[in-house]
């Protein structure tokens, strides 16, 4: 395994985590708006 492959894997993992975090954050915002 080369450094590029591992770096690419880390980048993909970070991207997925960020997307999940944004989805959860958006969910909390929507929930707050609906409850308001």
C-alpha atoms as a PDB file:
ATOM      1  CA  UNK A   1       0.000   0.000   0.000  1.00  0.00           C
ATOM      2  CA  UNK A   2       1.376   3.369  -1.012  1.00  0.00           C
ATOM      3  CA  UNK A   3       1.068   6.675   0.802  1.00  0.00           C
ATOM      4  CA  UNK A   4      -1.319   7.959  -1.857  1.00  0.00           C
ATOM      5  CA  UNK A   5      -3.750   5.072  -1.312  1.00  0.00           C
ATOM      6  CA  UNK A   6      -3.772   5.493   2.472  1.00  0.00           C
ATOM      7  CA  UNK A   7      -4.162   9.253   2.114  1.00  0.00           C
ATOM      8  CA  UNK A   8      -7.069   8.735  -0.293  1.00  0.00           C
ATOM      9  CA  UNK A   9      -8.709   6.367   2.190  1.00  0.00           C
ATOM     10  CA  UNK A  10      -8.340   8.918   4.980  1.00  0.00           C
ATOM     11  CA  UNK A  11      -9.814  11.628   2.765  1.00  0.00           C
ATOM     12  CA  UNK A  12     -12.822   9.439   1.928  1.00  0.00           C
ATOM     13  CA  UNK A  13     -13.318   8.590   5.610  1.00  0.00           C
ATOM     14  CA  UNK A  14     -13.169  12.265   6.597  1.00  0.00           C
ATOM     15  CA  UNK A  15     -15.620  13.194   3.825  1.00  0.00           C
ATOM     16  CA  UNK A  16     -18.088  10.534   4.984  1.00  0.00           C
ATOM     17  CA  UNK A  17     -17.805  11.668   8.603  1.00  0.00           C
ATOM     18  CA  UNK A  18     -18.389  15.296   7.589  1.00  0.00           C
ATOM     19  CA  UNK A  19     -21.464  14.357   5.529  1.00  0.00           C
ATOM     20  CA  UNK A  20     -22.874  12.380   8.474  1.00  0.00           C
ATOM     21  CA  UNK A  21     -22.198  15.277  10.844  1.00  0.00           C
ATOM     22  CA  UNK A  22     -23.945  17.720   8.481  1.00  0.00           C
ATOM     23  CA  UNK A  23     -26.926  15.345   8.157  1.00  0.00           C
ATOM     24  CA  UNK A  24     -27.261  15.066  11.941  1.00  0.00           C
ATOM     25  CA  UNK A  25     -26.843  18.826  12.359  1.00  0.00           C
ATOM     26  CA  UNK A  26     -29.512  19.483   9.705  1.00  0.00           C
ATOM     27  CA  UNK A  27     -31.776  16.962  11.459  1.00  0.00           C
ATOM     28  CA  UNK A  28     -31.489  18.842  14.757  1.00  0.00           C
ATOM     29  CA  UNK A  29     -32.227  22.155  13.010  1.00  0.00           C
ATOM     30  CA  UNK A  30     -35.289  20.724  11.237  1.00  0.00           C
ATOM     31  CA  UNK A  31     -36.499  19.163  14.471  1.00  0.00           C
ATOM     32  CA  UNK A  32     -36.140  22.506  16.271  1.00  0.00           C
ATOM     33  CA  UNK A  33     -37.979  24.354  13.496  1.00  0.00           C
ATOM     34  CA  UNK A  34     -40.825  21.824  13.465  1.00  0.00           C
ATOM     35  CA  UNK A  35     -41.115  21.915  17.261  1.00  0.00           C
ATOM     36  CA  UNK A  36     -41.052  25.702  17.337  1.00  0.00           C
END
